[in-house]
Amino acid sequence: MGGNLDMIAAAAGWVLPSLEGAILLIEDVEKGLGLIDRHLTRLLKAGHLHGLVGVAIGQFTRCKGSNGWTVIDVLRDRFGLLGVPVLGGLPIGHGDRPVALPVGTEAVLDADAGTLTVMPAVQ
């Protein structure tokens, strides 16, 4: 489940489905670190990330660092609290030549092997 972090955070509290047992896929474009941190903190504090089994991180295109921090630092800080496998660097999002993935299908994330295997949406 997932997609653009801005849209996920906007859906929190009214249309965001339960993420229990899910792998959360996130990406974003042209955001400052403060907003990325606020979105993730809101999702964490509201319990929306409870029960995740993993996090898949796509591209954070044109998102600039601040005060010596990078997007990776913020993501590591927030998701490190969950105790689940996190896989980053996926070619998903708003960058050059992004890969399209079906959302809501079965998937397997293996952070140690650096793989995200997503089942097709149509058989």
PDB file of N, CA and C in Angstrom:
ATOM      1  N   MET A   1       0.849  -1.168   0.000  1.00  0.00           N
ATOM      2  CA  MET A   1       0.000   0.000   0.000  1.00  0.00           C
ATOM      3  C   MET A   1       0.892   1.228   0.000  1.00  0.00           C
ATOM      4  N   GLY A   2       0.380   2.315  -0.512  1.00  0.00           N
ATOM      5  CA  GLY A   2       1.125   3.550  -0.397  1.00  0.00           C
ATOM      6  C   GLY A   2       1.165   4.361  -1.663  1.00  0.00           C
ATOM      7  N   GLY A   3       2.230   5.133  -1.802  1.00  0.00           N
ATOM      8  CA  GLY A   3       2.415   6.028  -2.932  1.00  0.00           C
ATOM      9  C   GLY A   3       3.067   7.313  -2.477  1.00  0.00           C
ATOM     10  N   ASN A   4       2.556   8.416  -2.953  1.00  0.00           N
ATOM     11  CA  ASN A   4       3.101   9.728  -2.647  1.00  0.00           C
ATOM     12  C   ASN A   4       2.862  10.063  -1.174  1.00  0.00           C
ATOM     13  N   LEU A   5       3.925  10.413  -0.452  1.00  0.00           N
ATOM     14  CA  LEU A   5       3.822  10.691   0.981  1.00  0.00           C
ATOM     15  C   LEU A   5       2.839  11.811   1.293  1.00  0.00           C
ATOM     16  N   ASP A   6       2.805  12.839   0.458  1.00  0.00           N
ATOM     17  CA  ASP A   6       1.858  13.937   0.642  1.00  0.00           C
ATOM     18  C   ASP A   6       0.414  13.422   0.645  1.00  0.00           C
ATOM     19  N   MET A   7       0.093  12.544  -0.295  1.00  0.00           N
ATOM     20  CA  MET A   7      -1.268  12.017  -0.413  1.00  0.00           C
ATOM     21  C   MET A   7      -1.598  11.061   0.729  1.00  0.00           C
ATOM     22  N   ILE A   8      -0.625  10.262   1.142  1.00  0.00           N
ATOM     23  CA  ILE A   8      -0.845   9.344   2.265  1.00  0.00           C
ATOM     24  C   ILE A   8      -1.144  10.144   3.529  1.00  0.00           C
ATOM     25  N   ALA A   9      -0.342  11.168   3.797  1.00  0.00           N
ATOM     26  CA  ALA A   9      -0.553  11.991   4.990  1.00  0.00           C
ATOM     27  C   ALA A   9      -1.887  12.715   4.930  1.00  0.00           C
ATOM     28  N   ALA A  10      -2.287  13.180   3.742  1.00  0.00           N
ATOM     29  CA  ALA A  10      -3.576  13.862   3.606  1.00  0.00           C
ATOM     30  C   ALA A  10      -4.740  12.910   3.862  1.00  0.00           C
ATOM     31  N   ALA A  11      -4.564  11.621   3.562  1.00  0.00           N
ATOM     32  CA  ALA A  11      -5.627  10.632   3.740  1.00  0.00           C
ATOM     33  C   ALA A  11      -5.739  10.150   5.184  1.00  0.00           C
ATOM     34  N   ALA A  12      -4.719  10.419   5.982  1.00  0.00           N
ATOM     35  CA  ALA A  12      -4.706   9.939   7.367  1.00  0.00           C
ATOM     36  C   ALA A  12      -5.902  10.490   8.135  1.00  0.00           C
ATOM     37  N   GLY A  13      -6.592   9.581   8.802  1.00  0.00           N
ATOM     38  CA  GLY A  13      -7.709   9.991   9.643  1.00  0.00           C
ATOM     39  C   GLY A  13      -9.055   9.982   8.959  1.00  0.00           C
ATOM     40  N   TRP A  14      -9.088   9.786   7.637  1.00  0.00           N
ATOM     41  CA  TRP A  14     -10.410   9.742   7.004  1.00  0.00           C
ATOM     42  C   TRP A  14     -10.509   8.700   5.904  1.00  0.00           C
ATOM     43  N   VAL A  15      -9.571   8.532   4.998  1.00  0.00           N
ATOM     44  CA  VAL A  15      -9.707   7.492   3.971  1.00  0.00           C
ATOM     45  C   VAL A  15      -8.505   6.550   3.898  1.00  0.00           C
ATOM     46  N   LEU A  16      -7.512   6.743   4.735  1.00  0.00           N
ATOM     47  CA  LEU A  16      -6.349   5.867   4.724  1.00  0.00           C
ATOM     48  C   LEU A  16      -6.756   4.521   5.312  1.00  0.00           C
ATOM     49  N   PRO A  17      -6.623   3.433   4.523  1.00  0.00           N
ATOM     50  CA  PRO A  17      -7.000   2.124   5.062  1.00  0.00           C
ATOM     51  C   PRO A  17      -5.999   1.663   6.111  1.00  0.00           C
ATOM     52  N   SER A  18      -6.354   0.645   6.841  1.00  0.00           N
ATOM     53  CA  SER A  18      -5.433   0.057   7.813  1.00  0.00           C
ATOM     54  C   SER A  18      -4.204  -0.470   7.076  1.00  0.00           C
ATOM     55  N   LEU A  19      -3.055  -0.230   7.636  1.00  0.00           N
ATOM     56  CA  LEU A  19      -1.808  -0.725   7.058  1.00  0.00           C
ATOM     57  C   LEU A  19      -1.293  -1.948   7.806  1.00  0.00           C
ATOM     58  N   GLU A  20      -2.132  -2.522   8.646  1.00  0.00           N
ATOM     59  CA  GLU A  20      -1.783  -3.724   9.399  1.00  0.00           C
ATOM     60  C   GLU A  20      -1.386  -4.836   8.423  1.00  0.00           C
ATOM     61  N   GLY A  21      -0.176  -5.363   8.576  1.00  0.00           N
ATOM     62  CA  GLY A  21       0.317  -6.442   7.719  1.00  0.00           C
ATOM     63  C   GLY A  21       0.807  -5.997   6.359  1.00  0.00           C
ATOM     64  N   ALA A  22       0.858  -4.686   6.122  1.00  0.00           N
ATOM     65  CA  ALA A  22       1.226  -4.162   4.804  1.00  0.00           C
ATOM     66  C   ALA A  22       2.692  -3.741   4.734  1.00  0.00           C
ATOM     67  N   ILE A  23       3.181  -3.677   3.513  1.00  0.00           N
ATOM     68  CA  ILE A  23       4.441  -3.014   3.209  1.00  0.00           C
ATOM     69  C   ILE A  23       4.056  -1.627   2.728  1.00  0.00           C
ATOM     70  N   LEU A  24       4.579  -0.601   3.371  1.00  0.00           N
ATOM     71  CA  LEU A  24       4.274   0.770   2.977  1.00  0.00           C
ATOM     72  C   LEU A  24       5.273   1.220   1.925  1.00  0.00           C
ATOM     73  N   LEU A  25       4.767   1.658   0.792  1.00  0.00           N
ATOM     74  CA  LEU A  25       5.592   2.217  -0.280  1.00  0.00           C
ATOM     75  C   LEU A  25       5.427   3.730  -0.241  1.00  0.00           C
ATOM     76  N   ILE A  26       6.556   4.449  -0.161  1.00  0.00           N
ATOM     77  CA  ILE A  26       6.462   5.908  -0.174  1.00  0.00           C
ATOM     78  C   ILE A  26       7.457   6.504  -1.160  1.00  0.00           C
ATOM     79  N   GLU A  27       7.071   7.659  -1.686  1.00  0.00           N
ATOM     80  CA  GLU A  27       7.908   8.485  -2.548  1.00  0.00           C
ATOM     81  C   GLU A  27       7.359   9.894  -2.454  1.00  0.00           C
ATOM     82  N   ASP A  28       8.133  10.873  -2.937  1.00  0.00           N
ATOM     83  CA  ASP A  28       7.624  12.247  -2.960  1.00  0.00           C
ATOM     84  C   ASP A  28       8.497  13.100  -3.860  1.00  0.00           C
ATOM     85  N   VAL A  29       8.047  14.312  -4.088  1.00  0.00           N
ATOM     86  CA  VAL A  29       8.767  15.224  -4.982  1.00  0.00           C
ATOM     87  C   VAL A  29       8.688  16.648  -4.436  1.00  0.00           C
ATOM     88  N   GLU A  30       9.806  17.355  -4.514  1.00  0.00           N
ATOM     89  CA  GLU A  30       9.894  18.783  -4.176  1.00  0.00           C
ATOM     90  C   GLU A  30       9.334  19.121  -2.798  1.00  0.00           C
ATOM     91  N   LYS A  31       9.815  18.419  -1.782  1.00  0.00           N
ATOM     92  CA  LYS A  31       9.392  18.697  -0.404  1.00  0.00           C
ATOM     93  C   LYS A  31      10.615  19.039   0.435  1.00  0.00           C
ATOM     94  N   GLY A  32      10.427  19.893   1.398  1.00  0.00           N
ATOM     95  CA  GLY A  32      11.467  20.183   2.369  1.00  0.00           C
ATOM     96  C   GLY A  32      11.487  19.117   3.450  1.00  0.00           C
ATOM     97  N   LEU A  33      12.606  19.032   4.148  1.00  0.00           N
ATOM     98  CA  LEU A  33      12.731  18.011   5.190  1.00  0.00           C
ATOM     99  C   LEU A  33      11.723  18.201   6.311  1.00  0.00           C
ATOM    100  N   GLY A  34      11.394  19.453   6.626  1.00  0.00           N
ATOM    101  CA  GLY A  34      10.421  19.709   7.687  1.00  0.00           C
ATOM    102  C   GLY A  34       9.065  19.108   7.370  1.00  0.00           C
ATOM    103  N   LEU A  35       8.621  19.238   6.142  1.00  0.00           N
ATOM    104  CA  LEU A  35       7.320  18.691   5.757  1.00  0.00           C
ATOM    105  C   LEU A  35       7.363  17.163   5.726  1.00  0.00           C
ATOM    106  N   ILE A  36       8.445  16.591   5.211  1.00  0.00           N
ATOM    107  CA  ILE A  36       8.586  15.129   5.211  1.00  0.00           C
ATOM    108  C   ILE A  36       8.532  14.619   6.647  1.00  0.00           C
ATOM    109  N   ASP A  37       9.265  15.265   7.541  1.00  0.00           N
ATOM    110  CA  ASP A  37       9.277  14.874   8.949  1.00  0.00           C
ATOM    111  C   ASP A  37       7.890  15.016   9.570  1.00  0.00           C
ATOM    112  N   ARG A  38       7.192  16.118   9.292  1.00  0.00           N
ATOM    113  CA  ARG A  38       5.834  16.322   9.844  1.00  0.00           C
ATOM    114  C   ARG A  38       4.875  15.237   9.367  1.00  0.00           C
ATOM    115  N   HIS A  39       4.918  14.921   8.069  1.00  0.00           N
ATOM    116  CA  HIS A  39       4.033  13.871   7.543  1.00  0.00           C
ATOM    117  C   HIS A  39       4.289  12.539   8.240  1.00  0.00           C
ATOM    118  N   LEU A  40       5.560  12.148   8.327  1.00  0.00           N
ATOM    119  CA  LEU A  40       5.892  10.866   8.944  1.00  0.00           C
ATOM    120  C   LEU A  40       5.567  10.856  10.436  1.00  0.00           C
ATOM    121  N   THR A  41       5.831  11.962  11.121  1.00  0.00           N
ATOM    122  CA  THR A  41       5.525  12.050  12.546  1.00  0.00           C
ATOM    123  C   THR A  41       4.019  11.953  12.773  1.00  0.00           C
ATOM    124  N   ARG A  42       3.225  12.620  11.944  1.00  0.00           N
ATOM    125  CA  ARG A  42       1.757  12.538  12.063  1.00  0.00           C
ATOM    126  C   ARG A  42       1.295  11.095  11.908  1.00  0.00           C
ATOM    127  N   LEU A  43       1.810  10.408  10.895  1.00  0.00           N
ATOM    128  CA  LEU A  43       1.418   9.014  10.657  1.00  0.00           C
ATOM    129  C   LEU A  43       1.836   8.118  11.821  1.00  0.00           C
ATOM    130  N   LEU A  44       3.032   8.343  12.347  1.00  0.00           N
ATOM    131  CA  LEU A  44       3.516   7.557  13.490  1.00  0.00           C
ATOM    132  C   LEU A  44       2.681   7.812  14.738  1.00  0.00           C
ATOM    133  N   LYS A  45       2.506   9.080  15.101  1.00  0.00           N
ATOM    134  CA  LYS A  45       1.809   9.439  16.339  1.00  0.00           C
ATOM    135  C   LYS A  45       0.340   9.048  16.318  1.00  0.00           C
ATOM    136  N   ALA A  46      -0.267   9.066  15.132  1.00  0.00           N
ATOM    137  CA  ALA A  46      -1.678   8.700  15.011  1.00  0.00           C
ATOM    138  C   ALA A  46      -1.880   7.186  14.935  1.00  0.00           C
ATOM    139  N   GLY A  47      -0.772   6.424  14.913  1.00  0.00           N
ATOM    140  CA  GLY A  47      -0.885   4.969  14.902  1.00  0.00           C
ATOM    141  C   GLY A  47      -1.104   4.360  13.530  1.00  0.00           C
ATOM    142  N   HIS A  48      -1.052   5.169  12.473  1.00  0.00           N
ATOM    143  CA  HIS A  48      -1.306   4.647  11.132  1.00  0.00           C
ATOM    144  C   HIS A  48      -0.226   3.688  10.647  1.00  0.00           C
ATOM    145  N   LEU A  49       0.975   3.747  11.230  1.00  0.00           N
ATOM    146  CA  LEU A  49       2.064   2.875  10.794  1.00  0.00           C
ATOM    147  C   LEU A  49       2.193   1.637  11.682  1.00  0.00           C
ATOM    148  N   HIS A  50       1.289   1.511  12.655  1.00  0.00           N
ATOM    149  CA  HIS A  50       1.284   0.342  13.530  1.00  0.00           C
ATOM    150  C   HIS A  50       0.944  -0.905  12.715  1.00  0.00           C
ATOM    151  N   GLY A  51       1.726  -1.937  12.890  1.00  0.00           N
ATOM    152  CA  GLY A  51       1.430  -3.203  12.226  1.00  0.00           C
ATOM    153  C   GLY A  51       2.061  -3.365  10.861  1.00  0.00           C
ATOM    154  N   LEU A  52       2.803  -2.356  10.397  1.00  0.00           N
ATOM    155  CA  LEU A  52       3.518  -2.519   9.122  1.00  0.00           C
ATOM    156  C   LEU A  52       4.496  -3.674   9.230  1.00  0.00           C
ATOM    157  N   VAL A  53       4.717  -4.366   8.109  1.00  0.00           N
ATOM    158  CA  VAL A  53       5.715  -5.435   8.095  1.00  0.00           C
ATOM    159  C   VAL A  53       6.973  -5.011   7.351  1.00  0.00           C
ATOM    160  N   GLY A  54       6.939  -3.849   6.703  1.00  0.00           N
ATOM    161  CA  GLY A  54       8.113  -3.338   6.005  1.00  0.00           C
ATOM    162  C   GLY A  54       7.817  -1.999   5.361  1.00  0.00           C
ATOM    163  N   VAL A  55       8.902  -1.328   4.928  1.00  0.00           N
ATOM    164  CA  VAL A  55       8.778  -0.041   4.244  1.00  0.00           C
ATOM    165  C   VAL A  55       9.648  -0.094   2.988  1.00  0.00           C
ATOM    166  N   ALA A  56       9.056   0.265   1.860  1.00  0.00           N
ATOM    167  CA  ALA A  56       9.762   0.361   0.585  1.00  0.00           C
ATOM    168  C   ALA A  56       9.824   1.840   0.205  1.00  0.00           C
ATOM    169  N   ILE A  57      11.033   2.343   0.018  1.00  0.00           N
ATOM    170  CA  ILE A  57      11.214   3.769  -0.226  1.00  0.00           C
ATOM    171  C   ILE A  57      11.636   4.007  -1.669  1.00  0.00           C
ATOM    172  N   GLY A  58      10.801   4.770  -2.367  1.00  0.00           N
ATOM    173  CA  GLY A  58      11.103   5.146  -3.744  1.00  0.00           C
ATOM    174  C   GLY A  58      11.889   6.443  -3.784  1.00  0.00           C
ATOM    175  N   GLN A  59      11.740   7.157  -4.860  1.00  0.00           N
ATOM    176  CA  GLN A  59      12.506   8.385  -5.082  1.00  0.00           C
ATOM    177  C   GLN A  59      11.898   9.576  -4.343  1.00  0.00           C
ATOM    178  N   PHE A  60      12.760  10.351  -3.736  1.00  0.00           N
ATOM    179  CA  PHE A  60      12.382  11.630  -3.155  1.00  0.00           C
ATOM    180  C   PHE A  60      13.070  12.688  -4.024  1.00  0.00           C
ATOM    181  N   THR A  61      12.434  12.959  -5.164  1.00  0.00           N
ATOM    182  CA  THR A  61      13.006  13.791  -6.217  1.00  0.00           C
ATOM    183  C   THR A  61      12.972  15.267  -5.840  1.00  0.00           C
ATOM    184  N   ARG A  62      14.089  15.940  -6.016  1.00  0.00           N
ATOM    185  CA  ARG A  62      14.235  17.370  -5.742  1.00  0.00           C
ATOM    186  C   ARG A  62      13.801  17.736  -4.316  1.00  0.00           C
ATOM    187  N   CYS A  63      14.092  16.858  -3.366  1.00  0.00           N
ATOM    188  CA  CYS A  63      13.865  17.136  -1.949  1.00  0.00           C
ATOM    189  C   CYS A  63      15.225  17.489  -1.360  1.00  0.00           C
ATOM    190  N   LYS A  64      15.338  18.690  -0.836  1.00  0.00           N
ATOM    191  CA  LYS A  64      16.634  19.199  -0.393  1.00  0.00           C
ATOM    192  C   LYS A  64      16.857  18.999   1.096  1.00  0.00           C
ATOM    193  N   GLY A  65      18.127  18.796   1.434  1.00  0.00           N
ATOM    194  CA  GLY A  65      18.533  18.670   2.824  1.00  0.00           C
ATOM    195  C   GLY A  65      18.531  20.018   3.529  1.00  0.00           C
ATOM    196  N   SER A  66      18.758  19.968   4.833  1.00  0.00           N
ATOM    197  CA  SER A  66      18.758  21.185   5.645  1.00  0.00           C
ATOM    198  C   SER A  66      19.571  20.954   6.909  1.00  0.00           C
ATOM    199  N   ASN A  67      20.388  21.936   7.282  1.00  0.00           N
ATOM    200  CA  ASN A  67      21.164  21.884   8.526  1.00  0.00           C
ATOM    201  C   ASN A  67      21.981  20.603   8.664  1.00  0.00           C
ATOM    202  N   GLY A  68      22.540  20.132   7.554  1.00  0.00           N
ATOM    203  CA  GLY A  68      23.365  18.930   7.589  1.00  0.00           C
ATOM    204  C   GLY A  68      22.588  17.629   7.517  1.00  0.00           C
ATOM    205  N   TRP A  69      21.266  17.704   7.512  1.00  0.00           N
ATOM    206  CA  TRP A  69      20.419  16.507   7.401  1.00  0.00           C
ATOM    207  C   TRP A  69      20.043  16.293   5.945  1.00  0.00           C
ATOM    208  N   THR A  70      19.836  15.030   5.576  1.00  0.00           N
ATOM    209  CA  THR A  70      19.363  14.666   4.243  1.00  0.00           C
ATOM    210  C   THR A  70      18.013  13.967   4.371  1.00  0.00           C
ATOM    211  N   VAL A  71      17.375  13.720   3.254  1.00  0.00           N
ATOM    212  CA  VAL A  71      16.122  12.956   3.265  1.00  0.00           C
ATOM    213  C   VAL A  71      16.370  11.583   3.886  1.00  0.00           C
ATOM    214  N   ILE A  72      17.497  10.979   3.552  1.00  0.00           N
ATOM    215  CA  ILE A  72      17.819   9.651   4.102  1.00  0.00           C
ATOM    216  C   ILE A  72      17.903   9.709   5.624  1.00  0.00           C
ATOM    217  N   ASP A  73      18.497  10.759   6.162  1.00  0.00           N
ATOM    218  CA  ASP A  73      18.586  10.901   7.622  1.00  0.00           C
ATOM    219  C   ASP A  73      17.197  10.953   8.261  1.00  0.00           C
ATOM    220  N   VAL A  74      16.302  11.734   7.672  1.00  0.00           N
ATOM    221  CA  VAL A  74      14.942  11.859   8.224  1.00  0.00           C
ATOM    222  C   VAL A  74      14.199  10.531   8.129  1.00  0.00           C
ATOM    223  N   LEU A  75      14.280   9.869   6.983  1.00  0.00           N
ATOM    224  CA  LEU A  75      13.597   8.583   6.811  1.00  0.00           C
ATOM    225  C   LEU A  75      14.153   7.540   7.778  1.00  0.00           C
ATOM    226  N   ARG A  76      15.461   7.505   7.918  1.00  0.00           N
ATOM    227  CA  ARG A  76      16.093   6.548   8.843  1.00  0.00           C
ATOM    228  C   ARG A  76      15.655   6.839  10.283  1.00  0.00           C
ATOM    229  N   ASP A  77      15.600   8.104  10.663  1.00  0.00           N
ATOM    230  CA  ASP A  77      15.197   8.498  12.008  1.00  0.00           C
ATOM    231  C   ASP A  77      13.759   8.092  12.308  1.00  0.00           C
ATOM    232  N   ARG A  78      12.850   8.361  11.390  1.00  0.00           N
ATOM    233  CA  ARG A  78      11.428   8.063  11.606  1.00  0.00           C
ATOM    234  C   ARG A  78      11.147   6.563  11.526  1.00  0.00           C
ATOM    235  N   PHE A  79      11.624   5.903  10.456  1.00  0.00           N
ATOM    236  CA  PHE A  79      11.300   4.488  10.267  1.00  0.00           C
ATOM    237  C   PHE A  79      12.101   3.569  11.175  1.00  0.00           C
ATOM    238  N   GLY A  80      13.219   4.059  11.714  1.00  0.00           N
ATOM    239  CA  GLY A  80      13.991   3.265  12.659  1.00  0.00           C
ATOM    240  C   GLY A  80      13.199   2.939  13.917  1.00  0.00           C
ATOM    241  N   LEU A  81      12.185   3.729  14.204  1.00  0.00           N
ATOM    242  CA  LEU A  81      11.341   3.515  15.376  1.00  0.00           C
ATOM    243  C   LEU A  81      10.406   2.322  15.218  1.00  0.00           C
ATOM    244  N   LEU A  82      10.188   1.875  13.983  1.00  0.00           N
ATOM    245  CA  LEU A  82       9.193   0.836  13.723  1.00  0.00           C
ATOM    246  C   LEU A  82       9.713  -0.581  13.935  1.00  0.00           C
ATOM    247  N   GLY A  83      11.023  -0.786  13.806  1.00  0.00           N
ATOM    248  CA  GLY A  83      11.573  -2.128  13.969  1.00  0.00           C
ATOM    249  C   GLY A  83      11.178  -3.079  12.856  1.00  0.00           C
ATOM    250  N   VAL A  84      10.984  -2.557  11.646  1.00  0.00           N
ATOM    251  CA  VAL A  84      10.640  -3.389  10.494  1.00  0.00           C
ATOM    252  C   VAL A  84      11.712  -3.211   9.417  1.00  0.00           C
ATOM    253  N   PRO A  85      11.816  -4.155   8.478  1.00  0.00           N
ATOM    254  CA  PRO A  85      12.787  -3.985   7.397  1.00  0.00           C
ATOM    255  C   PRO A  85      12.432  -2.783   6.522  1.00  0.00           C
ATOM    256  N   VAL A  86      13.467  -2.045   6.125  1.00  0.00           N
ATOM    257  CA  VAL A  86      13.293  -0.877   5.264  1.00  0.00           C
ATOM    258  C   VAL A  86      14.218  -1.042   4.066  1.00  0.00           C
ATOM    259  N   LEU A  87      13.660  -0.886   2.877  1.00  0.00           N
ATOM    260  CA  LEU A  87      14.429  -0.981   1.639  1.00  0.00           C
ATOM    261  C   LEU A  87      14.293   0.322   0.884  1.00  0.00           C
ATOM    262  N   GLY A  88      15.407   0.984   0.610  1.00  0.00           N
ATOM    263  CA  GLY A  88      15.389   2.259  -0.094  1.00  0.00           C
ATOM    264  C   GLY A  88      16.038   2.168  -1.455  1.00  0.00           C
ATOM    265  N   GLY A  89      16.004   3.301  -2.155  1.00  0.00           N
ATOM    266  CA  GLY A  89      16.647   3.389  -3.452  1.00  0.00           C
ATOM    267  C   GLY A  89      15.866   2.774  -4.591  1.00  0.00           C
ATOM    268  N   LEU A  90      14.588   2.570  -4.414  1.00  0.00           N
ATOM    269  CA  LEU A  90      13.774   1.953  -5.470  1.00  0.00           C
ATOM    270  C   LEU A  90      13.438   2.985  -6.549  1.00  0.00           C
ATOM    271  N   PRO A  91      13.428   2.583  -7.817  1.00  0.00           N
ATOM    272  CA  PRO A  91      13.158   3.523  -8.918  1.00  0.00           C
ATOM    273  C   PRO A  91      11.665   3.780  -9.112  1.00  0.00           C
ATOM    274  N   ILE A  92      11.030   4.253  -8.053  1.00  0.00           N
ATOM    275  CA  ILE A  92       9.581   4.482  -8.043  1.00  0.00           C
ATOM    276  C   ILE A  92       9.354   5.924  -7.622  1.00  0.00           C
ATOM    277  N   GLY A  93       8.563   6.659  -8.367  1.00  0.00           N
ATOM    278  CA  GLY A  93       8.270   8.028  -7.981  1.00  0.00           C
ATOM    279  C   GLY A  93       8.267   8.981  -9.148  1.00  0.00           C
ATOM    280  N   HIS A  94       8.853  10.161  -8.933  1.00  0.00           N
ATOM    281  CA  HIS A  94       8.816  11.233  -9.928  1.00  0.00           C
ATOM    282  C   HIS A  94      10.155  11.454 -10.616  1.00  0.00           C
ATOM    283  N   GLY A  95      11.101  10.569 -10.431  1.00  0.00           N
ATOM    284  CA  GLY A  95      12.420  10.730 -11.035  1.00  0.00           C
ATOM    285  C   GLY A  95      12.442  10.271 -12.479  1.00  0.00           C
ATOM    286  N   ASP A  96      13.647  10.203 -13.033  1.00  0.00           N
ATOM    287  CA  ASP A  96      13.830   9.733 -14.400  1.00  0.00           C
ATOM    288  C   ASP A  96      13.487   8.251 -14.499  1.00  0.00           C
ATOM    289  N   ARG A  97      12.705   7.904 -15.491  1.00  0.00           N
ATOM    290  CA  ARG A  97      12.359   6.522 -15.815  1.00  0.00           C
ATOM    291  C   ARG A  97      11.841   5.713 -14.616  1.00  0.00           C
ATOM    292  N   PRO A  98      10.790   6.199 -13.962  1.00  0.00           N
ATOM    293  CA  PRO A  98      10.264   5.465 -12.808  1.00  0.00           C
ATOM    294  C   PRO A  98       9.580   4.167 -13.238  1.00  0.00           C
ATOM    295  N   VAL A  99       9.621   3.191 -12.361  1.00  0.00           N
ATOM    296  CA  VAL A  99       8.960   1.910 -12.569  1.00  0.00           C
ATOM    297  C   VAL A  99       7.552   2.006 -11.993  1.00  0.00           C
ATOM    298  N   ALA A 100       6.570   1.497 -12.710  1.00  0.00           N
ATOM    299  CA  ALA A 100       5.193   1.470 -12.214  1.00  0.00           C
ATOM    300  C   ALA A 100       4.962   0.164 -11.458  1.00  0.00           C
ATOM    301  N   LEU A 101       4.296   0.265 -10.317  1.00  0.00           N
ATOM    302  CA  LEU A 101       3.965  -0.910  -9.514  1.00  0.00           C
ATOM    303  C   LEU A 101       2.482  -0.930  -9.231  1.00  0.00           C
ATOM    304  N   PRO A 102       1.882  -2.126  -9.264  1.00  0.00           N
ATOM    305  CA  PRO A 102       0.492  -2.197  -8.815  1.00  0.00           C
ATOM    306  C   PRO A 102       0.464  -2.038  -7.295  1.00  0.00           C
ATOM    307  N   VAL A 103      -0.468  -1.270  -6.792  1.00  0.00           N
ATOM    308  CA  VAL A 103      -0.605  -1.054  -5.356  1.00  0.00           C
ATOM    309  C   VAL A 103      -1.772  -1.905  -4.878  1.00  0.00           C
ATOM    310  N   GLY A 104      -1.617  -2.514  -3.718  1.00  0.00           N
ATOM    311  CA  GLY A 104      -2.683  -3.329  -3.152  1.00  0.00           C
ATOM    312  C   GLY A 104      -2.564  -4.794  -3.499  1.00  0.00           C
ATOM    313  N   THR A 105      -1.480  -5.192  -4.167  1.00  0.00           N
ATOM    314  CA  THR A 105      -1.266  -6.607  -4.470  1.00  0.00           C
ATOM    315  C   THR A 105      -0.318  -7.196  -3.432  1.00  0.00           C
ATOM    316  N   GLU A 106      -0.151  -8.498  -3.467  1.00  0.00           N
ATOM    317  CA  GLU A 106       0.788  -9.139  -2.548  1.00  0.00           C
ATOM    318  C   GLU A 106       2.210  -8.786  -2.956  1.00  0.00           C
ATOM    319  N   ALA A 107       3.079  -8.660  -1.951  1.00  0.00           N
ATOM    320  CA  ALA A 107       4.479  -8.331  -2.211  1.00  0.00           C
ATOM    321  C   ALA A 107       5.341  -8.932  -1.108  1.00  0.00           C
ATOM    322  N   VAL A 108       6.619  -9.099  -1.433  1.00  0.00           N
ATOM    323  CA  VAL A 108       7.597  -9.590  -0.466  1.00  0.00           C
ATOM    324  C   VAL A 108       8.783  -8.638  -0.492  1.00  0.00           C
ATOM    325  N   LEU A 109       9.138  -8.108   0.670  1.00  0.00           N
ATOM    326  CA  LEU A 109      10.273  -7.213   0.810  1.00  0.00           C
ATOM    327  C   LEU A 109      11.381  -7.962   1.549  1.00  0.00           C
ATOM    328  N   ASP A 110      12.563  -8.020   0.946  1.00  0.00           N
ATOM    329  CA  ASP A 110      13.732  -8.626   1.580  1.00  0.00           C
ATOM    330  C   ASP A 110      14.820  -7.567   1.613  1.00  0.00           C
ATOM    331  N   ALA A 111      14.902  -6.843   2.729  1.00  0.00           N
ATOM    332  CA  ALA A 111      15.865  -5.747   2.840  1.00  0.00           C
ATOM    333  C   ALA A 111      17.299  -6.260   2.794  1.00  0.00           C
ATOM    334  N   ASP A 112      17.555  -7.450   3.348  1.00  0.00           N
ATOM    335  CA  ASP A 112      18.906  -8.005   3.330  1.00  0.00           C
ATOM    336  C   ASP A 112      19.374  -8.294   1.901  1.00  0.00           C
ATOM    337  N   ALA A 113      18.474  -8.814   1.076  1.00  0.00           N
ATOM    338  CA  ALA A 113      18.813  -9.114  -0.316  1.00  0.00           C
ATOM    339  C   ALA A 113      18.648  -7.889  -1.215  1.00  0.00           C
ATOM    340  N   GLY A 114      17.989  -6.839  -0.694  1.00  0.00           N
ATOM    341  CA  GLY A 114      17.757  -5.633  -1.494  1.00  0.00           C
ATOM    342  C   GLY A 114      16.714  -5.824  -2.572  1.00  0.00           C
ATOM    343  N   THR A 115      15.670  -6.611  -2.256  1.00  0.00           N
ATOM    344  CA  THR A 115      14.644  -6.886  -3.270  1.00  0.00           C
ATOM    345  C   THR A 115      13.234  -6.604  -2.762  1.00  0.00           C
ATOM    346  N   LEU A 116      12.405  -6.163  -3.672  1.00  0.00           N
ATOM    347  CA  LEU A 116      10.977  -6.028  -3.469  1.00  0.00           C
ATOM    348  C   LEU A 116      10.317  -6.771  -4.614  1.00  0.00           C
ATOM    349  N   THR A 117       9.635  -7.855  -4.305  1.00  0.00           N
ATOM    350  CA  THR A 117       8.952  -8.666  -5.316  1.00  0.00           C
ATOM    351  C   THR A 117       7.466  -8.391  -5.206  1.00  0.00           C
ATOM    352  N   VAL A 118       6.877  -7.883  -6.284  1.00  0.00           N
ATOM    353  CA  VAL A 118       5.473  -7.504  -6.286  1.00  0.00           C
ATOM    354  C   VAL A 118       4.720  -8.399  -7.257  1.00  0.00           C
ATOM    355  N   MET A 119       3.639  -9.008  -6.775  1.00  0.00           N
ATOM    356  CA  MET A 119       2.828  -9.880  -7.613  1.00  0.00           C
ATOM    357  C   MET A 119       2.030  -9.030  -8.611  1.00  0.00           C
ATOM    358  N   PRO A 120       1.737  -9.586  -9.775  1.00  0.00           N
ATOM    359  CA  PRO A 120       0.963  -8.818 -10.752  1.00  0.00           C
ATOM    360  C   PRO A 120      -0.463  -8.549 -10.254  1.00  0.00           C
ATOM    361  N   ALA A 121      -1.017  -7.444 -10.711  1.00  0.00           N
ATOM    362  CA  ALA A 121      -2.376  -7.083 -10.329  1.00  0.00           C
ATOM    363  C   ALA A 121      -3.406  -7.897 -11.086  1.00  0.00           C
ATOM    364  N   VAL A 122      -3.021  -8.389 -12.251  1.00  0.00           N
ATOM    365  CA  VAL A 122      -3.915  -9.190 -13.094  1.00  0.00           C
ATOM    366  C   VAL A 122      -3.220 -10.507 -13.396  1.00  0.00           C
ATOM    367  N   GLN A 123      -3.937 -11.596 -13.275  1.00  0.00           N
ATOM    368  CA  GLN A 123      -3.360 -12.920 -13.558  1.00  0.00           C
ATOM    369  C   GLN A 123      -3.736 -13.383 -14.942  1.00  0.00           C
TER     370      GLN A 123
END
